[in-house]
PDB file of all heavy atoms in Angstrom:
ATOM      1  N   PRO A   1       0.833  -1.221   0.000  1.00  0.00           N
ATOM      2  CA  PRO A   1       0.000   0.000   0.000  1.00  0.00           C
ATOM      3  C   PRO A   1       0.862   1.263   0.000  1.00  0.00           C
ATOM      4  O   PRO A   1       1.972   1.273   0.555  1.00  0.00           O
ATOM      5  CB  PRO A   1      -0.795  -0.117   1.298  1.00  0.00           C
ATOM      6  CG  PRO A   1      -0.803  -1.574   1.609  1.00  0.00           C
ATOM      7  CD  PRO A   1       0.507  -2.113   1.122  1.00  0.00           C
ATOM      8  N   MET A   2       0.333   2.301  -0.605  1.00  0.00           N
ATOM      9  CA  MET A   2       1.088   3.537  -0.749  1.00  0.00           C
ATOM     10  C   MET A   2       0.252   4.725  -0.291  1.00  0.00           C
ATOM     11  O   MET A   2      -0.963   4.734  -0.450  1.00  0.00           O
ATOM     12  CB  MET A   2       1.494   3.693  -2.223  1.00  0.00           C
ATOM     13  CG  MET A   2       2.410   4.848  -2.509  1.00  0.00           C
ATOM     14  SD  MET A   2       3.191   4.756  -4.167  1.00  0.00           S
ATOM     15  CE  MET A   2       1.784   4.338  -5.208  1.00  0.00           C
ATOM     16  N   THR A   3       0.933   5.722   0.282  1.00  0.00           N
ATOM     17  CA  THR A   3       0.285   6.966   0.686  1.00  0.00           C
ATOM     18  C   THR A   3       1.148   8.131   0.236  1.00  0.00           C
ATOM     19  O   THR A   3       2.357   7.963   0.002  1.00  0.00           O
ATOM     20  CB  THR A   3       0.079   7.013   2.212  1.00  0.00           C
ATOM     21  OG1 THR A   3      -0.714   8.153   2.545  1.00  0.00           O
ATOM     22  CG2 THR A   3       1.406   7.097   2.957  1.00  0.00           C
ATOM     23  N   SER A   4       0.553   9.296   0.087  1.00  0.00           N
ATOM     24  CA  SER A   4       1.325  10.453  -0.386  1.00  0.00           C
ATOM     25  C   SER A   4       2.039  11.140   0.772  1.00  0.00           C
ATOM     26  O   SER A   4       1.506  11.265   1.872  1.00  0.00           O
ATOM     27  CB  SER A   4       0.413  11.452  -1.099  1.00  0.00           C
ATOM     28  OG  SER A   4      -0.539  11.982  -0.193  1.00  0.00           O
ATOM     29  N   TYR A   5       3.252  11.555   0.512  1.00  0.00           N
ATOM     30  CA  TYR A   5       4.022  12.334   1.486  1.00  0.00           C
ATOM     31  C   TYR A   5       4.894  13.297   0.685  1.00  0.00           C
ATOM     32  O   TYR A   5       5.868  12.907   0.047  1.00  0.00           O
ATOM     33  CB  TYR A   5       4.890  11.418   2.355  1.00  0.00           C
ATOM     34  CG  TYR A   5       5.708  12.188   3.368  1.00  0.00           C
ATOM     35  CD1 TYR A   5       5.081  12.989   4.312  1.00  0.00           C
ATOM     36  CD2 TYR A   5       7.099  12.141   3.356  1.00  0.00           C
ATOM     37  CE1 TYR A   5       5.827  13.731   5.220  1.00  0.00           C
ATOM     38  CE2 TYR A   5       7.846  12.869   4.271  1.00  0.00           C
ATOM     39  CZ  TYR A   5       7.201  13.665   5.196  1.00  0.00           C
ATOM     40  OH  TYR A   5       7.932  14.405   6.096  1.00  0.00           O
ATOM     41  N   HIS A   6       4.506  14.582   0.682  1.00  0.00           N
ATOM     42  CA  HIS A   6       5.157  15.532  -0.208  1.00  0.00           C
ATOM     43  C   HIS A   6       5.375  16.875   0.492  1.00  0.00           C
ATOM     44  O   HIS A   6       5.084  17.023   1.694  1.00  0.00           O
ATOM     45  CB  HIS A   6       4.318  15.723  -1.478  1.00  0.00           C
ATOM     46  CG  HIS A   6       2.863  15.976  -1.207  1.00  0.00           C
ATOM     47  ND1 HIS A   6       2.398  17.160  -0.680  1.00  0.00           N
ATOM     48  CD2 HIS A   6       1.771  15.170  -1.381  1.00  0.00           C
ATOM     49  CE1 HIS A   6       1.087  17.098  -0.545  1.00  0.00           C
ATOM     50  NE2 HIS A   6       0.668  15.897  -0.961  1.00  0.00           N
ATOM     51  N   GLU A   7       5.874  17.835  -0.250  1.00  0.00           N
ATOM     52  CA  GLU A   7       6.259  19.133   0.292  1.00  0.00           C
ATOM     53  C   GLU A   7       5.119  19.855   1.006  1.00  0.00           C
ATOM     54  O   GLU A   7       5.337  20.550   1.991  1.00  0.00           O
ATOM     55  CB  GLU A   7       6.792  20.015  -0.853  1.00  0.00           C
ATOM     56  CG  GLU A   7       7.295  21.383  -0.431  1.00  0.00           C
ATOM     57  CD  GLU A   7       8.538  21.314   0.453  1.00  0.00           C
ATOM     58  OE1 GLU A   7       9.287  20.310   0.374  1.00  0.00           O
ATOM     59  OE2 GLU A   7       8.732  22.266   1.228  1.00  0.00           O
ATOM     60  N   PHE A   8       3.901  19.662   0.536  1.00  0.00           N
ATOM     61  CA  PHE A   8       2.779  20.439   1.063  1.00  0.00           C
ATOM     62  C   PHE A   8       2.065  19.768   2.246  1.00  0.00           C
ATOM     63  O   PHE A   8       1.182  20.365   2.846  1.00  0.00           O
ATOM     64  CB  PHE A   8       1.788  20.721  -0.067  1.00  0.00           C
ATOM     65  CG  PHE A   8       2.415  21.455  -1.215  1.00  0.00           C
ATOM     66  CD1 PHE A   8       2.716  20.795  -2.400  1.00  0.00           C
ATOM     67  CD2 PHE A   8       2.756  22.790  -1.098  1.00  0.00           C
ATOM     68  CE1 PHE A   8       3.312  21.466  -3.463  1.00  0.00           C
ATOM     69  CE2 PHE A   8       3.360  23.475  -2.147  1.00  0.00           C
ATOM     70  CZ  PHE A   8       3.643  22.805  -3.325  1.00  0.00           C
ATOM     71  N   ASN A   9       2.451  18.521   2.568  1.00  0.00           N
ATOM     72  CA  ASN A   9       1.853  17.886   3.753  1.00  0.00           C
ATOM     73  C   ASN A   9       2.925  17.288   4.664  1.00  0.00           C
ATOM     74  O   ASN A   9       2.627  16.459   5.521  1.00  0.00           O
ATOM     75  CB  ASN A   9       0.841  16.813   3.343  1.00  0.00           C
ATOM     76  CG  ASN A   9       1.484  15.575   2.729  1.00  0.00           C
ATOM     77  OD1 ASN A   9       2.710  15.517   2.535  1.00  0.00           O
ATOM     78  ND2 ASN A   9       0.679  14.571   2.415  1.00  0.00           N
ATOM     79  N   LYS A  10       4.173  17.725   4.469  1.00  0.00           N
ATOM     80  CA  LYS A  10       5.305  17.059   5.108  1.00  0.00           C
ATOM     81  C   LYS A  10       5.298  17.130   6.629  1.00  0.00           C
ATOM     82  O   LYS A  10       5.890  16.262   7.283  1.00  0.00           O
ATOM     83  CB  LYS A  10       6.628  17.595   4.568  1.00  0.00           C
ATOM     84  CG  LYS A  10       6.875  19.077   4.829  1.00  0.00           C
ATOM     85  CD  LYS A  10       8.183  19.515   4.176  1.00  0.00           C
ATOM     86  CE  LYS A  10       8.456  20.994   4.369  1.00  0.00           C
ATOM     87  NZ  LYS A  10       9.693  21.411   3.679  1.00  0.00           N
ATOM     88  N   TYR A  11       4.637  18.131   7.210  1.00  0.00           N
ATOM     89  CA  TYR A  11       4.627  18.230   8.672  1.00  0.00           C
ATOM     90  C   TYR A  11       3.445  17.466   9.272  1.00  0.00           C
ATOM     91  O   TYR A  11       3.633  16.610  10.157  1.00  0.00           O
ATOM     92  CB  TYR A  11       4.599  19.701   9.102  1.00  0.00           C
ATOM     93  CG  TYR A  11       5.858  20.439   8.730  1.00  0.00           C
ATOM     94  CD1 TYR A  11       5.858  21.375   7.700  1.00  0.00           C
ATOM     95  CD2 TYR A  11       7.053  20.187   9.396  1.00  0.00           C
ATOM     96  CE1 TYR A  11       7.022  22.049   7.340  1.00  0.00           C
ATOM     97  CE2 TYR A  11       8.226  20.869   9.053  1.00  0.00           C
ATOM     98  CZ  TYR A  11       8.200  21.786   8.026  1.00  0.00           C
ATOM     99  OH  TYR A  11       9.353  22.441   7.669  1.00  0.00           O
ATOM    100  N   ASP A  12       2.248  17.746   8.810  1.00  0.00           N
ATOM    101  CA  ASP A  12       1.077  17.056   9.350  1.00  0.00           C
ATOM    102  C   ASP A  12       1.130  15.557   9.045  1.00  0.00           C
ATOM    103  O   ASP A  12       0.833  14.730   9.919  1.00  0.00           O
ATOM    104  CB  ASP A  12      -0.207  17.653   8.764  1.00  0.00           C
ATOM    105  CG  ASP A  12      -0.438  19.084   9.227  1.00  0.00           C
ATOM    106  OD1 ASP A  12       0.140  19.453  10.269  1.00  0.00           O
ATOM    107  OD2 ASP A  12      -1.180  19.819   8.555  1.00  0.00           O
ATOM    108  N   LYS A  13       1.502  15.212   7.826  1.00  0.00           N
ATOM    109  CA  LYS A  13       1.543  13.793   7.448  1.00  0.00           C
ATOM    110  C   LYS A  13       2.665  13.066   8.195  1.00  0.00           C
ATOM    111  O   LYS A  13       2.525  11.895   8.541  1.00  0.00           O
ATOM    112  CB  LYS A  13       1.754  13.659   5.930  1.00  0.00           C
ATOM    113  CG  LYS A  13       1.529  12.250   5.384  1.00  0.00           C
ATOM    114  CD  LYS A  13       0.091  11.778   5.632  1.00  0.00           C
ATOM    115  CE  LYS A  13      -0.211  10.470   4.936  1.00  0.00           C
ATOM    116  NZ  LYS A  13      -0.456  10.632   3.488  1.00  0.00           N
ATOM    117  N   ALA A  14       3.744  13.780   8.461  1.00  0.00           N
ATOM    118  CA  ALA A  14       4.837  13.162   9.212  1.00  0.00           C
ATOM    119  C   ALA A  14       4.363  12.708  10.582  1.00  0.00           C
ATOM    120  O   ALA A  14       4.727  11.622  11.060  1.00  0.00           O
ATOM    121  CB  ALA A  14       6.007  14.138   9.354  1.00  0.00           C
ATOM    122  N   ASP A  15       3.517  13.510  11.230  1.00  0.00           N
ATOM    123  CA  ASP A  15       2.999  13.129  12.548  1.00  0.00           C
ATOM    124  C   ASP A  15       2.153  11.859  12.464  1.00  0.00           C
ATOM    125  O   ASP A  15       2.226  10.991  13.347  1.00  0.00           O
ATOM    126  CB  ASP A  15       2.169  14.275  13.122  1.00  0.00           C
ATOM    127  CG  ASP A  15       3.013  15.491  13.475  1.00  0.00           C
ATOM    128  OD1 ASP A  15       4.216  15.306  13.741  1.00  0.00           O
ATOM    129  OD2 ASP A  15       2.476  16.611  13.478  1.00  0.00           O
ATOM    130  N   LEU A  16       1.361  11.727  11.404  1.00  0.00           N
ATOM    131  CA  LEU A  16       0.552  10.516  11.220  1.00  0.00           C
ATOM    132  C   LEU A  16       1.438   9.302  10.974  1.00  0.00           C
ATOM    133  O   LEU A  16       1.182   8.209  11.494  1.00  0.00           O
ATOM    134  CB  LEU A  16      -0.409  10.709  10.038  1.00  0.00           C
ATOM    135  CG  LEU A  16      -1.516  11.748  10.228  1.00  0.00           C
ATOM    136  CD1 LEU A  16      -2.315  11.915   8.932  1.00  0.00           C
ATOM    137  CD2 LEU A  16      -2.445  11.339  11.372  1.00  0.00           C
ATOM    138  N   LEU A  17       2.500   9.494  10.186  1.00  0.00           N
ATOM    139  CA  LEU A  17       3.420   8.389   9.902  1.00  0.00           C
ATOM    140  C   LEU A  17       4.187   7.985  11.158  1.00  0.00           C
ATOM    141  O   LEU A  17       4.452   6.792  11.376  1.00  0.00           O
ATOM    142  CB  LEU A  17       4.386   8.781   8.782  1.00  0.00           C
ATOM    143  CG  LEU A  17       3.738   9.008   7.402  1.00  0.00           C
ATOM    144  CD1 LEU A  17       4.774   9.530   6.408  1.00  0.00           C
ATOM    145  CD2 LEU A  17       3.108   7.714   6.880  1.00  0.00           C
ATOM    146  N   ILE A  18       4.512   8.963  12.001  1.00  0.00           N
ATOM    147  CA  ILE A  18       5.183   8.657  13.269  1.00  0.00           C
ATOM    148  C   ILE A  18       4.278   7.779  14.134  1.00  0.00           C
ATOM    149  O   ILE A  18       4.727   6.810  14.767  1.00  0.00           O
ATOM    150  CB  ILE A  18       5.556   9.958  14.017  1.00  0.00           C
ATOM    151  CG1 ILE A  18       6.671  10.707  13.285  1.00  0.00           C
ATOM    152  CG2 ILE A  18       5.963   9.648  15.461  1.00  0.00           C
ATOM    153  CD1 ILE A  18       8.004  10.006  13.283  1.00  0.00           C
ATOM    154  N   GLU A  19       3.000   8.096  14.164  1.00  0.00           N
ATOM    155  CA  GLU A  19       2.047   7.294  14.942  1.00  0.00           C
ATOM    156  C   GLU A  19       2.012   5.850  14.440  1.00  0.00           C
ATOM    157  O   GLU A  19       1.966   4.897  15.234  1.00  0.00           O
ATOM    158  CB  GLU A  19       0.656   7.909  14.859  1.00  0.00           C
ATOM    159  CG  GLU A  19       0.522   9.236  15.593  1.00  0.00           C
ATOM    160  CD  GLU A  19      -0.867   9.835  15.440  1.00  0.00           C
ATOM    161  OE1 GLU A  19      -1.743   9.154  14.859  1.00  0.00           O
ATOM    162  OE2 GLU A  19      -1.078  10.977  15.893  1.00  0.00           O
ATOM    163  N   LYS A  20       2.043   5.677  13.134  1.00  0.00           N
ATOM    164  CA  LYS A  20       2.034   4.332  12.554  1.00  0.00           C
ATOM    165  C   LYS A  20       3.319   3.581  12.904  1.00  0.00           C
ATOM    166  O   LYS A  20       3.297   2.384  13.214  1.00  0.00           O
ATOM    167  CB  LYS A  20       1.861   4.404  11.038  1.00  0.00           C
ATOM    168  CG  LYS A  20       0.484   4.891  10.593  1.00  0.00           C
ATOM    169  CD  LYS A  20       0.375   4.941   9.075  1.00  0.00           C
ATOM    170  CE  LYS A  20      -0.994   5.459   8.630  1.00  0.00           C
ATOM    171  NZ  LYS A  20      -2.092   4.523   9.018  1.00  0.00           N
ATOM    172  N   LEU A  21       4.435   4.281  12.862  1.00  0.00           N
ATOM    173  CA  LEU A  21       5.712   3.669  13.236  1.00  0.00           C
ATOM    174  C   LEU A  21       5.699   3.254  14.708  1.00  0.00           C
ATOM    175  O   LEU A  21       6.151   2.163  15.072  1.00  0.00           O
ATOM    176  CB  LEU A  21       6.867   4.637  12.971  1.00  0.00           C
ATOM    177  CG  LEU A  21       7.233   4.866  11.496  1.00  0.00           C
ATOM    178  CD1 LEU A  21       8.070   6.137  11.344  1.00  0.00           C
ATOM    179  CD2 LEU A  21       8.001   3.664  10.942  1.00  0.00           C
ATOM    180  N   GLN A  22       5.165   4.120  15.560  1.00  0.00           N
ATOM    181  CA  GLN A  22       5.091   3.811  16.993  1.00  0.00           C
ATOM    182  C   GLN A  22       4.173   2.626  17.268  1.00  0.00           C
ATOM    183  O   GLN A  22       4.347   1.912  18.254  1.00  0.00           O
ATOM    184  CB  GLN A  22       4.629   5.044  17.765  1.00  0.00           C
ATOM    185  CG  GLN A  22       5.664   6.169  17.786  1.00  0.00           C
ATOM    186  CD  GLN A  22       5.140   7.456  18.384  1.00  0.00           C
ATOM    187  OE1 GLN A  22       3.940   7.757  18.263  1.00  0.00           O
ATOM    188  NE2 GLN A  22       6.001   8.232  19.028  1.00  0.00           N
ATOM    189  N   ALA A  23       3.207   2.436  16.372  1.00  0.00           N
ATOM    190  CA  ALA A  23       2.275   1.312  16.516  1.00  0.00           C
ATOM    191  C   ALA A  23       2.862   0.010  15.984  1.00  0.00           C
ATOM    192  O   ALA A  23       2.215  -1.042  16.076  1.00  0.00           O
ATOM    193  CB  ALA A  23       0.977   1.618  15.785  1.00  0.00           C
ATOM    194  N   GLY A  24       4.082   0.091  15.425  1.00  0.00           N
ATOM    195  CA  GLY A  24       4.756  -1.125  14.986  1.00  0.00           C
ATOM    196  C   GLY A  24       4.853  -1.330  13.487  1.00  0.00           C
ATOM    197  O   GLY A  24       5.420  -2.327  13.026  1.00  0.00           O
ATOM    198  N   GLN A  25       4.309  -0.412  12.710  1.00  0.00           N
ATOM    199  CA  GLN A  25       4.400  -0.559  11.258  1.00  0.00           C
ATOM    200  C   GLN A  25       5.782  -0.131  10.748  1.00  0.00           C
ATOM    201  O   GLN A  25       6.386   0.804  11.269  1.00  0.00           O
ATOM    202  CB  GLN A  25       3.336   0.287  10.556  1.00  0.00           C
ATOM    203  CG  GLN A  25       1.921  -0.221  10.740  1.00  0.00           C
ATOM    204  CD  GLN A  25       0.938   0.477   9.807  1.00  0.00           C
ATOM    205  OE1 GLN A  25       1.306   0.861   8.695  1.00  0.00           O
ATOM    206  NE2 GLN A  25      -0.293   0.635  10.252  1.00  0.00           N
ATOM    207  N   ASN A  26       6.269  -0.851   9.738  1.00  0.00           N
ATOM    208  CA  ASN A  26       7.492  -0.460   9.047  1.00  0.00           C
ATOM    209  C   ASN A  26       7.098   0.343   7.810  1.00  0.00           C
ATOM    210  O   ASN A  26       6.196  -0.056   7.067  1.00  0.00           O
ATOM    211  CB  ASN A  26       8.301  -1.687   8.624  1.00  0.00           C
ATOM    212  CG  ASN A  26       8.841  -2.446   9.811  1.00  0.00           C
ATOM    213  OD1 ASN A  26       9.343  -1.852  10.762  1.00  0.00           O
ATOM    214  ND2 ASN A  26       8.734  -3.773   9.784  1.00  0.00           N
ATOM    215  N   ILE A  27       7.763   1.482   7.612  1.00  0.00           N
ATOM    216  CA  ILE A  27       7.396   2.390   6.531  1.00  0.00           C
ATOM    217  C   ILE A  27       8.621   2.724   5.689  1.00  0.00           C
ATOM    218  O   ILE A  27       9.701   2.971   6.221  1.00  0.00           O
ATOM    219  CB  ILE A  27       6.781   3.689   7.091  1.00  0.00           C
ATOM    220  CG1 ILE A  27       5.497   3.380   7.872  1.00  0.00           C
ATOM    221  CG2 ILE A  27       6.497   4.694   5.970  1.00  0.00           C
ATOM    222  CD1 ILE A  27       4.892   4.598   8.562  1.00  0.00           C
ATOM    223  N   ALA A  28       8.430   2.721   4.386  1.00  0.00           N
ATOM    224  CA  ALA A  28       9.485   3.144   3.459  1.00  0.00           C
ATOM    225  C   ALA A  28       9.095   4.468   2.837  1.00  0.00           C
ATOM    226  O   ALA A  28       7.948   4.676   2.456  1.00  0.00           O
ATOM    227  CB  ALA A  28       9.696   2.099   2.371  1.00  0.00           C
ATOM    228  N   VAL A  29      10.054   5.367   2.743  1.00  0.00           N
ATOM    229  CA  VAL A  29       9.847   6.645   2.063  1.00  0.00           C
ATOM    230  C   VAL A  29      10.588   6.613   0.737  1.00  0.00           C
ATOM    231  O   VAL A  29      11.758   6.225   0.677  1.00  0.00           O
ATOM    232  CB  VAL A  29      10.361   7.819   2.917  1.00  0.00           C
ATOM    233  CG1 VAL A  29      10.276   9.131   2.134  1.00  0.00           C
ATOM    234  CG2 VAL A  29       9.557   7.944   4.193  1.00  0.00           C
ATOM    235  N   ILE A  30       9.898   7.000  -0.330  1.00  0.00           N
ATOM    236  CA  ILE A  30      10.553   7.120  -1.627  1.00  0.00           C
ATOM    237  C   ILE A  30      10.245   8.488  -2.223  1.00  0.00           C
ATOM    238  O   ILE A  30       9.182   9.064  -1.982  1.00  0.00           O
ATOM    239  CB  ILE A  30      10.126   6.008  -2.615  1.00  0.00           C
ATOM    240  CG1 ILE A  30       8.617   6.019  -2.854  1.00  0.00           C
ATOM    241  CG2 ILE A  30      10.594   4.649  -2.129  1.00  0.00           C
ATOM    242  CD1 ILE A  30       8.152   5.026  -3.916  1.00  0.00           C
ATOM    243  N   THR A  31      11.178   8.995  -2.983  1.00  0.00           N
ATOM    244  CA  THR A  31      10.986  10.258  -3.686  1.00  0.00           C
ATOM    245  C   THR A  31      10.673   9.946  -5.146  1.00  0.00           C
ATOM    246  O   THR A  31      10.696   8.790  -5.557  1.00  0.00           O
ATOM    247  CB  THR A  31      12.251  11.128  -3.555  1.00  0.00           C
ATOM    248  OG1 THR A  31      12.016  12.387  -4.165  1.00  0.00           O
ATOM    249  CG2 THR A  31      13.447  10.464  -4.199  1.00  0.00           C
ATOM    250  N   ASP A  32      10.394  10.981  -5.928  1.00  0.00           N
ATOM    251  CA  ASP A  32      10.101  10.747  -7.345  1.00  0.00           C
ATOM    252  C   ASP A  32      11.276  10.081  -8.049  1.00  0.00           C
ATOM    253  O   ASP A  32      11.099   9.247  -8.932  1.00  0.00           O
ATOM    254  CB  ASP A  32       9.779  12.065  -8.051  1.00  0.00           C
ATOM    255  CG  ASP A  32       8.359  12.535  -7.740  1.00  0.00           C
ATOM    256  OD1 ASP A  32       7.598  11.746  -7.162  1.00  0.00           O
ATOM    257  OD2 ASP A  32       8.033  13.683  -8.068  1.00  0.00           O
ATOM    258  N   ALA A  33      12.478  10.467  -7.679  1.00  0.00           N
ATOM    259  CA  ALA A  33      13.681   9.884  -8.260  1.00  0.00           C
ATOM    260  C   ALA A  33      14.861  10.239  -7.367  1.00  0.00           C
ATOM    261  O   ALA A  33      15.008  11.383  -6.953  1.00  0.00           O
ATOM    262  CB  ALA A  33      13.914  10.427  -9.667  1.00  0.00           C
ATOM    263  N   GLY A  34      15.670   9.226  -7.035  1.00  0.00           N
ATOM    264  CA  GLY A  34      16.845   9.494  -6.222  1.00  0.00           C
ATOM    265  C   GLY A  34      16.675   9.104  -4.771  1.00  0.00           C
ATOM    266  O   GLY A  34      15.855   8.254  -4.428  1.00  0.00           O
ATOM    267  N   THR A  35      17.443   9.755  -3.924  1.00  0.00           N
ATOM    268  CA  THR A  35      17.525   9.382  -2.513  1.00  0.00           C
ATOM    269  C   THR A  35      16.676  10.298  -1.641  1.00  0.00           C
ATOM    270  O   THR A  35      16.870  11.519  -1.650  1.00  0.00           O
ATOM    271  CB  THR A  35      18.990   9.430  -2.041  1.00  0.00           C
ATOM    272  OG1 THR A  35      19.771   8.540  -2.855  1.00  0.00           O
ATOM    273  CG2 THR A  35      19.109   9.018  -0.584  1.00  0.00           C
ATOM    274  N   PRO A  36      15.736   9.760  -0.876  1.00  0.00           N
ATOM    275  CA  PRO A  36      14.898  10.579   0.013  1.00  0.00           C
ATOM    276  C   PRO A  36      15.751  11.314   1.050  1.00  0.00           C
ATOM    277  O   PRO A  36      16.770  10.796   1.510  1.00  0.00           O
ATOM    278  CB  PRO A  36      13.989   9.553   0.698  1.00  0.00           C
ATOM    279  CG  PRO A  36      14.073   8.331  -0.128  1.00  0.00           C
ATOM    280  CD  PRO A  36      15.425   8.330  -0.762  1.00  0.00           C
ATOM    281  N   GLY A  37      15.295  12.499   1.412  1.00  0.00           N
ATOM    282  CA  GLY A  37      16.017  13.275   2.420  1.00  0.00           C
ATOM    283  C   GLY A  37      16.962  14.284   1.803  1.00  0.00           C
ATOM    284  O   GLY A  37      17.425  15.200   2.481  1.00  0.00           O
ATOM    285  N   ILE A  38      17.274  14.125   0.504  1.00  0.00           N
ATOM    286  CA  ILE A  38      18.120  15.090  -0.179  1.00  0.00           C
ATOM    287  C   ILE A  38      17.212  16.029  -0.963  1.00  0.00           C
ATOM    288  O   ILE A  38      16.658  15.643  -1.988  1.00  0.00           O
ATOM    289  CB  ILE A  38      19.130  14.403  -1.115  1.00  0.00           C
ATOM    290  CG1 ILE A  38      20.077  13.518  -0.315  1.00  0.00           C
ATOM    291  CG2 ILE A  38      19.927  15.448  -1.899  1.00  0.00           C
ATOM    292  CD1 ILE A  38      21.096  12.791  -1.144  1.00  0.00           C
ATOM    293  N   SER A  39      17.025  17.216  -0.442  1.00  0.00           N
ATOM    294  CA  SER A  39      16.177  18.214  -1.085  1.00  0.00           C
ATOM    295  C   SER A  39      14.751  17.724  -1.276  1.00  0.00           C
ATOM    296  O   SER A  39      14.125  17.961  -2.307  1.00  0.00           O
ATOM    297  CB  SER A  39      16.781  18.609  -2.447  1.00  0.00           C
ATOM    298  OG  SER A  39      16.158  19.750  -2.970  1.00  0.00           O
ATOM    299  N   ASP A  40      14.213  17.012  -0.265  1.00  0.00           N
ATOM    300  CA  ASP A  40      12.799  16.608  -0.309  1.00  0.00           C
ATOM    301  C   ASP A  40      12.280  16.371   1.106  1.00  0.00           C
ATOM    302  O   ASP A  40      13.049  16.408   2.071  1.00  0.00           O
ATOM    303  CB  ASP A  40      12.609  15.400  -1.246  1.00  0.00           C
ATOM    304  CG  ASP A  40      12.921  14.058  -0.598  1.00  0.00           C
ATOM    305  OD1 ASP A  40      13.130  13.989   0.628  1.00  0.00           O
ATOM    306  OD2 ASP A  40      12.955  13.073  -1.324  1.00  0.00           O
ATOM    307  N   PRO A  41      10.995  16.119   1.278  1.00  0.00           N
ATOM    308  CA  PRO A  41      10.382  16.046   2.615  1.00  0.00           C
ATOM    309  C   PRO A  41      10.876  14.905   3.508  1.00  0.00           C
ATOM    310  O   PRO A  41      10.596  14.916   4.707  1.00  0.00           O
ATOM    311  CB  PRO A  41       8.893  15.866   2.310  1.00  0.00           C
ATOM    312  CG  PRO A  41       8.715  16.348   0.923  1.00  0.00           C
ATOM    313  CD  PRO A  41       9.977  16.033   0.217  1.00  0.00           C
ATOM    314  N   GLY A  42      11.580  13.924   2.936  1.00  0.00           N
ATOM    315  CA  GLY A  42      12.102  12.837   3.766  1.00  0.00           C
ATOM    316  C   GLY A  42      12.965  13.340   4.901  1.00  0.00           C
ATOM    317  O   GLY A  42      13.062  12.716   5.964  1.00  0.00           O
ATOM    318  N   GLU A  43      13.569  14.491   4.716  1.00  0.00           N
ATOM    319  CA  GLU A  43      14.409  15.105   5.738  1.00  0.00           C
ATOM    320  C   GLU A  43      13.608  15.394   7.004  1.00  0.00           C
ATOM    321  O   GLU A  43      14.084  15.167   8.133  1.00  0.00           O
ATOM    322  CB  GLU A  43      15.002  16.403   5.175  1.00  0.00           C
ATOM    323  CG  GLU A  43      15.812  17.215   6.144  1.00  0.00           C
ATOM    324  CD  GLU A  43      16.263  18.532   5.548  1.00  0.00           C
ATOM    325  OE1 GLU A  43      15.812  18.873   4.438  1.00  0.00           O
ATOM    326  OE2 GLU A  43      17.060  19.230   6.201  1.00  0.00           O
TER     327      GLU A  43
END
């Protein structure tokens, strides 16, 4: 399953993803191309 995580929801959505991680889910972040966290919301 996939969910959106982008520049315009990076703070509010991050809190929801943190809750899922705390509940035991493993989550992968991917960017459109390249390595997440480099000039994108993964940071």
